[in-house]
Amino acid sequence: MKNVLASVKNKMISRYIVKDETKSNIKSTDINVLLNRVRLDQKKESRKKLLFTAATSLGVILFGALIF
């Protein structure tokens, strides 16, 4: 009876124990990939800002032309 309880207890506890295998499979990231992603994001943001500024300026010019 004691062995049965011990095996059940071990099975229940084994779910929550972190094994060494998972610790050794830590993902590493390359710094160049991250830097390239940052550069691409900056380019996209500057293009969006430029497009927004151009659209806003065009809207103001058209609005001004219609009123005057």
Protein backbone atom coordinates (compact mmCIF):
# COMPACT_ATOMS: atom_id res chain seq x y z
CA MET A 1 0.00 0.00 0.00
CA LYS A 2 2.85 2.36 0.80
CA ASN A 3 4.49 1.81 -2.61
CA VAL A 4 1.23 2.54 -4.39
CA LEU A 5 0.82 5.84 -2.58
CA ALA A 6 4.45 6.75 -3.22
CA SER A 7 4.15 6.05 -6.94
CA VAL A 8 0.93 8.07 -7.20
CA LYS A 9 2.60 10.90 -5.30
CA ASN A 10 5.63 10.80 -7.61
CA LYS A 11 3.40 10.89 -10.69
CA MET A 12 1.51 13.90 -9.37
CA ILE A 13 4.67 15.77 -8.38
CA SER A 14 6.50 14.97 -11.63
CA ARG A 15 4.21 17.35 -13.52
CA TYR A 16 5.52 20.30 -11.58
CA ILE A 17 9.20 19.41 -11.47
CA VAL A 18 11.36 21.09 -14.09
CA LYS A 19 13.62 18.59 -15.76
CA ASP A 20 17.21 19.33 -16.77
CA GLU A 21 16.36 18.68 -20.42
CA THR A 22 14.15 21.74 -20.64
CA LYS A 23 16.79 23.95 -19.02
CA SER A 24 19.41 23.00 -21.58
CA ASN A 25 17.13 23.90 -24.53
CA ILE A 26 17.12 27.63 -23.84
CA LYS A 27 16.57 29.61 -27.01
CA SER A 28 19.19 32.16 -27.87
CA THR A 29 18.64 35.13 -30.14
CA ASP A 30 21.11 36.72 -32.47
CA ILE A 31 21.68 40.40 -31.76
CA ASN A 32 22.01 41.18 -35.48
CA VAL A 33 18.52 39.85 -36.15
CA LEU A 34 17.13 42.07 -33.41
CA LEU A 35 19.01 45.13 -34.66
CA ASN A 36 17.82 44.54 -38.23
CA ARG A 37 14.24 44.29 -36.97
CA VAL A 38 14.63 47.59 -35.14
CA ARG A 39 16.00 49.27 -38.27
CA LEU A 40 13.13 47.95 -40.39
CA ASP A 41 10.61 49.14 -37.81
CA GLN A 42 12.18 52.60 -37.82
CA LYS A 43 11.99 52.77 -41.62
CA LYS A 44 8.33 51.73 -41.56
CA GLU A 45 7.53 54.34 -38.94
CA SER A 46 9.26 57.11 -40.87
CA ARG A 47 7.37 56.15 -44.04
CA LYS A 48 4.08 56.19 -42.15
CA LYS A 49 4.87 59.60 -40.67
CA LEU A 50 5.81 60.97 -44.08
CA LEU A 51 2.64 59.58 -45.67
CA PHE A 52 0.49 60.98 -42.86
CA THR A 53 2.13 64.40 -43.17
CA ALA A 54 1.65 64.42 -46.95
CA ALA A 55 -2.00 63.35 -46.66
CA THR A 56 -2.69 65.96 -43.97
CA SER A 57 -1.02 68.71 -45.99
CA LEU A 58 -2.97 67.74 -49.09
CA GLY A 59 -6.19 67.74 -47.08
CA VAL A 60 -5.50 71.21 -45.69
CA ILE A 61 -4.62 72.56 -49.15
CA LEU A 62 -7.79 71.10 -50.71
CA PHE A 63 -9.91 72.36 -47.84
CA GLY A 64 -8.37 75.84 -48.20
CA ALA A 65 -8.91 75.81 -51.97
CA LEU A 66 -12.59 74.88 -51.59
CA ILE A 67 -13.29 77.60 -49.05
CA PHE A 68 -11.49 80.44 -50.89
